[in-house]
Amino acid sequence: MDKSQAAPRRLLGSRRFWSSVISVITLIIAAAWPELEEHLDVLAPTITTICVTLVGGYVIEDRELAKQAGVNENGGGHDTNTD
């Protein structure tokens, strides 16, 4: 499989991507709903904060999983990365 076919498949399987899409859809619905319009000044930052927190957590989790996979590939328990 070449890279041009793998990229869309990876994107559609990404938790970060779907968290962002759902957050944008939620913001659009909240902005379009007449009853929620007066509360948008509270809802928008809350929805954005939840999205950023989720995506940040996924990034940290992915980084830790990559570190663990790197340790397992090296065959030892020593961390070769010094950052």
PDB file of N, CA and C in Angstrom:
ATOM      1  N   MET A   1       0.853  -1.181   0.000  1.00  0.00           N
ATOM      2  CA  MET A   1       0.000   0.000   0.000  1.00  0.00           C
ATOM      3  C   MET A   1       0.893   1.237   0.000  1.00  0.00           C
ATOM      4  N   ASP A   2       0.611   2.155  -0.918  1.00  0.00           N
ATOM      5  CA  ASP A   2       1.435   3.359  -0.961  1.00  0.00           C
ATOM      6  C   ASP A   2       0.937   4.387   0.053  1.00  0.00           C
ATOM      7  N   LYS A   3       1.749   5.412   0.244  1.00  0.00           N
ATOM      8  CA  LYS A   3       1.453   6.416   1.280  1.00  0.00           C
ATOM      9  C   LYS A   3       0.190   7.207   0.988  1.00  0.00           C
ATOM     10  N   SER A   4      -0.151   7.415  -0.275  1.00  0.00           N
ATOM     11  CA  SER A   4      -1.330   8.212  -0.601  1.00  0.00           C
ATOM     12  C   SER A   4      -2.615   7.519  -0.152  1.00  0.00           C
ATOM     13  N   GLN A   5      -2.626   6.208  -0.089  1.00  0.00           N
ATOM     14  CA  GLN A   5      -3.806   5.483   0.373  1.00  0.00           C
ATOM     15  C   GLN A   5      -3.793   5.298   1.885  1.00  0.00           C
ATOM     16  N   ALA A   6      -2.613   5.266   2.502  1.00  0.00           N
ATOM     17  CA  ALA A   6      -2.507   5.033   3.938  1.00  0.00           C
ATOM     18  C   ALA A   6      -2.872   6.284   4.747  1.00  0.00           C
ATOM     19  N   ALA A   7      -2.583   7.457   4.228  1.00  0.00           N
ATOM     20  CA  ALA A   7      -2.831   8.695   4.978  1.00  0.00           C
ATOM     21  C   ALA A   7      -4.312   8.910   5.291  1.00  0.00           C
ATOM     22  N   PRO A   8      -5.236   8.808   4.325  1.00  0.00           N
ATOM     23  CA  PRO A   8      -6.652   8.992   4.678  1.00  0.00           C
ATOM     24  C   PRO A   8      -7.146   7.918   5.649  1.00  0.00           C
ATOM     25  N   ARG A   9      -6.652   6.714   5.508  1.00  0.00           N
ATOM     26  CA  ARG A   9      -7.066   5.636   6.393  1.00  0.00           C
ATOM     27  C   ARG A   9      -6.593   5.891   7.819  1.00  0.00           C
ATOM     28  N   ARG A  10      -5.369   6.398   7.960  1.00  0.00           N
ATOM     29  CA  ARG A  10      -4.856   6.743   9.288  1.00  0.00           C
ATOM     30  C   ARG A  10      -5.639   7.907   9.881  1.00  0.00           C
ATOM     31  N   LEU A  11      -5.977   8.889   9.053  1.00  0.00           N
ATOM     32  CA  LEU A  11      -6.717  10.051   9.538  1.00  0.00           C
ATOM     33  C   LEU A  11      -8.094   9.639  10.053  1.00  0.00           C
ATOM     34  N   LEU A  12      -8.802   8.799   9.304  1.00  0.00           N
ATOM     35  CA  LEU A  12     -10.139   8.384   9.705  1.00  0.00           C
ATOM     36  C   LEU A  12     -10.125   7.469  10.928  1.00  0.00           C
ATOM     37  N   GLY A  13      -8.994   6.890  11.239  1.00  0.00           N
ATOM     38  CA  GLY A  13      -8.873   6.048  12.425  1.00  0.00           C
ATOM     39  C   GLY A  13      -8.290   6.782  13.619  1.00  0.00           C
ATOM     40  N   SER A  14      -8.053   8.072  13.474  1.00  0.00           N
ATOM     41  CA  SER A  14      -7.399   8.859  14.515  1.00  0.00           C
ATOM     42  C   SER A  14      -8.398   9.369  15.547  1.00  0.00           C
ATOM     43  N   ARG A  15      -8.123   9.083  16.813  1.00  0.00           N
ATOM     44  CA  ARG A  15      -8.977   9.599  17.892  1.00  0.00           C
ATOM     45  C   ARG A  15      -8.859  11.113  17.976  1.00  0.00           C
ATOM     46  N   ARG A  16      -7.685  11.644  17.694  1.00  0.00           N
ATOM     47  CA  ARG A  16      -7.506  13.101  17.725  1.00  0.00           C
ATOM     48  C   ARG A  16      -8.377  13.778  16.680  1.00  0.00           C
ATOM     49  N   PHE A  17      -8.406  13.228  15.480  1.00  0.00           N
ATOM     50  CA  PHE A  17      -9.209  13.784  14.399  1.00  0.00           C
ATOM     51  C   PHE A  17     -10.691  13.777  14.765  1.00  0.00           C
ATOM     52  N   TRP A  18     -11.203  12.641  15.234  1.00  0.00           N
ATOM     53  CA  TRP A  18     -12.627  12.540  15.538  1.00  0.00           C
ATOM     54  C   TRP A  18     -13.013  13.393  16.728  1.00  0.00           C
ATOM     55  N   SER A  19     -12.135  13.525  17.707  1.00  0.00           N
ATOM     56  CA  SER A  19     -12.421  14.420  18.838  1.00  0.00           C
ATOM     57  C   SER A  19     -12.568  15.854  18.346  1.00  0.00           C
ATOM     58  N   SER A  20     -11.717  16.253  17.438  1.00  0.00           N
ATOM     59  CA  SER A  20     -11.789  17.607  16.887  1.00  0.00           C
ATOM     60  C   SER A  20     -13.047  17.811  16.051  1.00  0.00           C
ATOM     61  N   VAL A  21     -13.383  16.835  15.217  1.00  0.00           N
ATOM     62  CA  VAL A  21     -14.579  16.938  14.378  1.00  0.00           C
ATOM     63  C   VAL A  21     -15.834  17.034  15.243  1.00  0.00           C
ATOM     64  N   ILE A  22     -15.934  16.176  16.259  1.00  0.00           N
ATOM     65  CA  ILE A  22     -17.103  16.192  17.134  1.00  0.00           C
ATOM     66  C   ILE A  22     -17.195  17.519  17.889  1.00  0.00           C
ATOM     67  N   SER A  23     -16.064  18.059  18.301  1.00  0.00           N
ATOM     68  CA  SER A  23     -16.067  19.348  18.995  1.00  0.00           C
ATOM     69  C   SER A  23     -16.540  20.471  18.081  1.00  0.00           C
ATOM     70  N   VAL A  24     -16.090  20.480  16.853  1.00  0.00           N
ATOM     71  CA  VAL A  24     -16.517  21.519  15.904  1.00  0.00           C
ATOM     72  C   VAL A  24     -18.016  21.390  15.625  1.00  0.00           C
ATOM     73  N   ILE A  25     -18.496  20.170  15.436  1.00  0.00           N
ATOM     74  CA  ILE A  25     -19.925  19.959  15.194  1.00  0.00           C
ATOM     75  C   ILE A  25     -20.740  20.423  16.404  1.00  0.00           C
ATOM     76  N   THR A  26     -20.257  20.107  17.604  1.00  0.00           N
ATOM     77  CA  THR A  26     -20.952  20.533  18.820  1.00  0.00           C
ATOM     78  C   THR A  26     -20.992  22.054  18.923  1.00  0.00           C
ATOM     79  N   LEU A  27     -19.892  22.711  18.589  1.00  0.00           N
ATOM     80  CA  LEU A  27     -19.873  24.175  18.609  1.00  0.00           C
ATOM     81  C   LEU A  27     -20.853  24.768  17.604  1.00  0.00           C
ATOM     82  N   ILE A  28     -20.919  24.183  16.426  1.00  0.00           N
ATOM     83  CA  ILE A  28     -21.845  24.672  15.399  1.00  0.00           C
ATOM     84  C   ILE A  28     -23.286  24.497  15.860  1.00  0.00           C
ATOM     85  N   ILE A  29     -23.588  23.338  16.444  1.00  0.00           N
ATOM     86  CA  ILE A  29     -24.948  23.105  16.934  1.00  0.00           C
ATOM     87  C   ILE A  29     -25.288  24.082  18.057  1.00  0.00           C
ATOM     88  N   ALA A  30     -24.355  24.279  18.978  1.00  0.00           N
ATOM     89  CA  ALA A  30     -24.602  25.210  20.090  1.00  0.00           C
ATOM     90  C   ALA A  30     -24.807  26.631  19.582  1.00  0.00           C
ATOM     91  N   ALA A  31     -24.078  27.015  18.550  1.00  0.00           N
ATOM     92  CA  ALA A  31     -24.220  28.373  18.009  1.00  0.00           C
ATOM     93  C   ALA A  31     -25.531  28.530  17.229  1.00  0.00           C
ATOM     94  N   ALA A  32     -25.997  27.449  16.616  1.00  0.00           N
ATOM     95  CA  ALA A  32     -27.205  27.531  15.800  1.00  0.00           C
ATOM     96  C   ALA A  32     -28.481  27.343  16.612  1.00  0.00           C
ATOM     97  N   TRP A  33     -28.387  26.737  17.766  1.00  0.00           N
ATOM     98  CA  TRP A  33     -29.571  26.468  18.604  1.00  0.00           C
ATOM     99  C   TRP A  33     -29.999  27.759  19.291  1.00  0.00           C
ATOM    100  N   PRO A  34     -31.186  28.243  19.028  1.00  0.00           N
ATOM    101  CA  PRO A  34     -31.609  29.541  19.587  1.00  0.00           C
ATOM    102  C   PRO A  34     -31.601  29.586  21.119  1.00  0.00           C
ATOM    103  N   GLU A  35     -32.006  28.504  21.757  1.00  0.00           N
ATOM    104  CA  GLU A  35     -32.052  28.489  23.222  1.00  0.00           C
ATOM    105  C   GLU A  35     -30.663  28.521  23.856  1.00  0.00           C
ATOM    106  N   LEU A  36     -29.661  28.050  23.131  1.00  0.00           N
ATOM    107  CA  LEU A  36     -28.297  27.997  23.669  1.00  0.00           C
ATOM    108  C   LEU A  36     -27.479  29.233  23.322  1.00  0.00           C
ATOM    109  N   GLU A  37     -28.009  30.085  22.480  1.00  0.00           N
ATOM    110  CA  GLU A  37     -27.266  31.252  22.008  1.00  0.00           C
ATOM    111  C   GLU A  37     -26.815  32.159  23.153  1.00  0.00           C
ATOM    112  N   GLU A  38     -27.664  32.334  24.158  1.00  0.00           N
ATOM    113  CA  GLU A  38     -27.287  33.212  25.272  1.00  0.00           C
ATOM    114  C   GLU A  38     -26.220  32.588  26.172  1.00  0.00           C
ATOM    115  N   HIS A  39     -26.029  31.274  26.077  1.00  0.00           N
ATOM    116  CA  HIS A  39     -25.027  30.590  26.899  1.00  0.00           C
ATOM    117  C   HIS A  39     -23.758  30.263  26.111  1.00  0.00           C
ATOM    118  N   LEU A  40     -23.670  30.730  24.888  1.00  0.00           N
ATOM    119  CA  LEU A  40     -22.538  30.400  24.024  1.00  0.00           C
ATOM    120  C   LEU A  40     -21.220  30.920  24.579  1.00  0.00           C
ATOM    121  N   ASP A  41     -21.250  32.027  25.316  1.00  0.00           N
ATOM    122  CA  ASP A  41     -20.017  32.570  25.882  1.00  0.00           C
ATOM    123  C   ASP A  41     -19.414  31.621  26.925  1.00  0.00           C
ATOM    124  N   VAL A  42     -20.204  30.721  27.475  1.00  0.00           N
ATOM    125  CA  VAL A  42     -19.706  29.717  28.426  1.00  0.00           C
ATOM    126  C   VAL A  42     -19.464  28.383  27.710  1.00  0.00           C
ATOM    127  N   LEU A  43     -20.357  28.036  26.791  1.00  0.00           N
ATOM    128  CA  LEU A  43     -20.260  26.749  26.115  1.00  0.00           C
ATOM    129  C   LEU A  43     -19.039  26.642  25.202  1.00  0.00           C
ATOM    130  N   ALA A  44     -18.760  27.675  24.434  1.00  0.00           N
ATOM    131  CA  ALA A  44     -17.648  27.614  23.473  1.00  0.00           C
ATOM    132  C   ALA A  44     -16.308  27.352  24.149  1.00  0.00           C
ATOM    133  N   PRO A  45     -15.930  28.102  25.196  1.00  0.00           N
ATOM    134  CA  PRO A  45     -14.648  27.793  25.843  1.00  0.00           C
ATOM    135  C   PRO A  45     -14.640  26.419  26.526  1.00  0.00           C
ATOM    136  N   THR A  46     -15.788  25.996  27.039  1.00  0.00           N
ATOM    137  CA  THR A  46     -15.856  24.696  27.696  1.00  0.00           C
ATOM    138  C   THR A  46     -15.652  23.562  26.701  1.00  0.00           C
ATOM    139  N   ILE A  47     -16.340  23.625  25.579  1.00  0.00           N
ATOM    140  CA  ILE A  47     -16.197  22.601  24.546  1.00  0.00           C
ATOM    141  C   ILE A  47     -14.779  22.595  23.998  1.00  0.00           C
ATOM    142  N   THR A  48     -14.215  23.761  23.773  1.00  0.00           N
ATOM    143  CA  THR A  48     -12.842  23.855  23.272  1.00  0.00           C
ATOM    144  C   THR A  48     -11.850  23.289  24.273  1.00  0.00           C
ATOM    145  N   THR A  49     -12.032  23.579  25.547  1.00  0.00           N
ATOM    146  CA  THR A  49     -11.131  23.063  26.582  1.00  0.00           C
ATOM    147  C   THR A  49     -11.194  21.547  26.657  1.00  0.00           C
ATOM    148  N   ILE A  50     -12.385  21.000  26.572  1.00  0.00           N
ATOM    149  CA  ILE A  50     -12.535  19.542  26.599  1.00  0.00           C
ATOM    150  C   ILE A  50     -11.829  18.918  25.403  1.00  0.00           C
ATOM    151  N   CYS A  51     -11.987  19.501  24.226  1.00  0.00           N
ATOM    152  CA  CYS A  51     -11.336  18.978  23.027  1.00  0.00           C
ATOM    153  C   CYS A  51      -9.818  19.030  23.146  1.00  0.00           C
ATOM    154  N   VAL A  52      -9.302  20.161  23.578  1.00  0.00           N
ATOM    155  CA  VAL A  52      -7.848  20.313  23.701  1.00  0.00           C
ATOM    156  C   VAL A  52      -7.292  19.338  24.737  1.00  0.00           C
ATOM    157  N   THR A  53      -8.015  19.134  25.832  1.00  0.00           N
ATOM    158  CA  THR A  53      -7.580  18.203  26.863  1.00  0.00           C
ATOM    159  C   THR A  53      -7.566  16.772  26.332  1.00  0.00           C
ATOM    160  N   LEU A  54      -8.611  16.397  25.610  1.00  0.00           N
ATOM    161  CA  LEU A  54      -8.657  15.058  25.022  1.00  0.00           C
ATOM    162  C   LEU A  54      -7.511  14.830  24.045  1.00  0.00           C
ATOM    163  N   VAL A  55      -7.329  15.761  23.130  1.00  0.00           N
ATOM    164  CA  VAL A  55      -6.280  15.622  22.122  1.00  0.00           C
ATOM    165  C   VAL A  55      -4.904  15.592  22.786  1.00  0.00           C
ATOM    166  N   GLY A  56      -4.685  16.456  23.774  1.00  0.00           N
ATOM    167  CA  GLY A  56      -3.416  16.445  24.496  1.00  0.00           C
ATOM    168  C   GLY A  56      -3.176  15.134  25.213  1.00  0.00           C
ATOM    169  N   GLY A  57      -4.217  14.579  25.808  1.00  0.00           N
ATOM    170  CA  GLY A  57      -4.098  13.279  26.467  1.00  0.00           C
ATOM    171  C   GLY A  57      -3.763  12.181  25.476  1.00  0.00           C
ATOM    172  N   TYR A  58      -4.387  12.222  24.300  1.00  0.00           N
ATOM    173  CA  TYR A  58      -4.079  11.228  23.266  1.00  0.00           C
ATOM    174  C   TYR A  58      -2.626  11.345  22.805  1.00  0.00           C
ATOM    175  N   VAL A  59      -2.134  12.567  22.691  1.00  0.00           N
ATOM    176  CA  VAL A  59      -0.739  12.774  22.275  1.00  0.00           C
ATOM    177  C   VAL A  59       0.208  12.188  23.315  1.00  0.00           C
ATOM    178  N   ILE A  60      -0.056  12.457  24.579  1.00  0.00           N
ATOM    179  CA  ILE A  60       0.795  11.930  25.648  1.00  0.00           C
ATOM    180  C   ILE A  60       0.734  10.403  25.663  1.00  0.00           C
ATOM    181  N   GLU A  61      -0.470   9.846  25.515  1.00  0.00           N
ATOM    182  CA  GLU A  61      -0.618   8.394  25.499  1.00  0.00           C
ATOM    183  C   GLU A  61       0.139   7.775  24.323  1.00  0.00           C
ATOM    184  N   ASP A  62       0.004   8.361  23.138  1.00  0.00           N
ATOM    185  CA  ASP A  62       0.703   7.847  21.963  1.00  0.00           C
ATOM    186  C   ASP A  62       2.216   7.915  22.134  1.00  0.00           C
ATOM    187  N   ARG A  63       2.692   8.994  22.747  1.00  0.00           N
ATOM    188  CA  ARG A  63       4.133   9.144  22.970  1.00  0.00           C
ATOM    189  C   ARG A  63       4.644   8.063  23.924  1.00  0.00           C
ATOM    190  N   GLU A  64       3.895   7.797  24.992  1.00  0.00           N
ATOM    191  CA  GLU A  64       4.301   6.768  25.946  1.00  0.00           C
ATOM    192  C   GLU A  64       4.268   5.383  25.311  1.00  0.00           C
ATOM    193  N   LEU A  65       3.260   5.118  24.493  1.00  0.00           N
ATOM    194  CA  LEU A  65       3.200   3.833  23.803  1.00  0.00           C
ATOM    195  C   LEU A  65       4.361   3.673  22.832  1.00  0.00           C
ATOM    196  N   ALA A  66       4.734   4.761  22.158  1.00  0.00           N
ATOM    197  CA  ALA A  66       5.871   4.711  21.248  1.00  0.00           C
ATOM    198  C   ALA A  66       7.166   4.467  22.005  1.00  0.00           C
ATOM    199  N   LYS A  67       7.307   5.083  23.177  1.00  0.00           N
ATOM    200  CA  LYS A  67       8.498   4.848  24.001  1.00  0.00           C
ATOM    201  C   LYS A  67       8.571   3.387  24.421  1.00  0.00           C
ATOM    202  N   GLN A  68       7.441   2.836  24.859  1.00  0.00           N
ATOM    203  CA  GLN A  68       7.416   1.446  25.287  1.00  0.00           C
ATOM    204  C   GLN A  68       7.732   0.510  24.127  1.00  0.00           C
ATOM    205  N   ALA A  69       7.223   0.806  22.959  1.00  0.00           N
ATOM    206  CA  ALA A  69       7.505  -0.013  21.784  1.00  0.00           C
ATOM    207  C   ALA A  69       8.982   0.064  21.428  1.00  0.00           C
ATOM    208  N   GLY A  70       9.574   1.254  21.600  1.00  0.00           N
ATOM    209  CA  GLY A  70      11.005   1.404  21.335  1.00  0.00           C
ATOM    210  C   GLY A  70      11.845   0.609  22.311  1.00  0.00           C
ATOM    211  N   VAL A  71      11.449   0.563  23.572  1.00  0.00           N
ATOM    212  CA  VAL A  71      12.161  -0.217  24.583  1.00  0.00           C
ATOM    213  C   VAL A  71      12.038  -1.694  24.266  1.00  0.00           C
ATOM    214  N   ASN A  72      10.849  -2.133  23.854  1.00  0.00           N
ATOM    215  CA  ASN A  72      10.640  -3.538  23.527  1.00  0.00           C
ATOM    216  C   ASN A  72      11.428  -3.940  22.289  1.00  0.00           C
ATOM    217  N   GLU A  73      11.566  -3.033  21.309  1.00  0.00           N
ATOM    218  CA  GLU A  73      12.325  -3.341  20.105  1.00  0.00           C
ATOM    219  C   GLU A  73      13.815  -3.437  20.404  1.00  0.00           C
ATOM    220  N   ASN A  74      14.322  -2.629  21.349  1.00  0.00           N
ATOM    221  CA  ASN A  74      15.728  -2.676  21.707  1.00  0.00           C
ATOM    222  C   ASN A  74      16.056  -3.918  22.505  1.00  0.00           C
ATOM    223  N   GLY A  75      15.054  -4.552  23.089  1.00  0.00           N
ATOM    224  CA  GLY A  75      15.275  -5.774  23.827  1.00  0.00           C
ATOM    225  C   GLY A  75      15.761  -5.553  25.247  1.00  0.00           C
ATOM    226  N   GLY A  76      15.799  -4.336  25.696  1.00  0.00           N
ATOM    227  CA  GLY A  76      16.256  -4.071  27.051  1.00  0.00           C
ATOM    228  C   GLY A  76      15.360  -3.085  27.742  1.00  0.00           C
ATOM    229  N   GLY A  77      15.600  -2.900  29.014  1.00  0.00           N
ATOM    230  CA  GLY A  77      14.790  -1.984  29.781  1.00  0.00           C
ATOM    231  C   GLY A  77      15.418  -0.624  29.937  1.00  0.00           C
ATOM    232  N   HIS A  78      16.528  -0.364  29.254  1.00  0.00           N
ATOM    233  CA  HIS A  78      17.218   0.907  29.385  1.00  0.00           C
ATOM    234  C   HIS A  78      16.691   1.898  28.367  1.00  0.00           C
ATOM    235  N   ASP A  79      16.439   3.094  28.840  1.00  0.00           N
ATOM    236  CA  ASP A  79      15.943   4.158  27.965  1.00  0.00           C
ATOM    237  C   ASP A  79      17.130   4.815  27.295  1.00  0.00           C
ATOM    238  N   THR A  80      17.137   4.761  25.943  1.00  0.00           N
ATOM    239  CA  THR A  80      18.268   5.346  25.221  1.00  0.00           C
ATOM    240  C   THR A  80      18.038   6.804  24.892  1.00  0.00           C
ATOM    241  N   ASN A  81      16.831   7.305  25.100  1.00  0.00           N
ATOM    242  CA  ASN A  81      16.517   8.704  24.841  1.00  0.00           C
ATOM    243  C   ASN A  81      16.827   9.523  26.095  1.00  0.00           C
ATOM    244  N   THR A  82      17.555  10.618  25.947  1.00  0.00           N
ATOM    245  CA  THR A  82      17.982  11.389  27.120  1.00  0.00           C
ATOM    246  C   THR A  82      17.219  12.689  27.310  1.00  0.00           C
ATOM    247  N   ASP A  83      16.102  12.876  26.561  1.00  0.00           N
ATOM    248  CA  ASP A  83      15.375  14.143  26.744  1.00  0.00           C
ATOM    249  C   ASP A  83      14.403  14.027  27.806  1.00  0.00           C
TER     250      ASP A  83
END
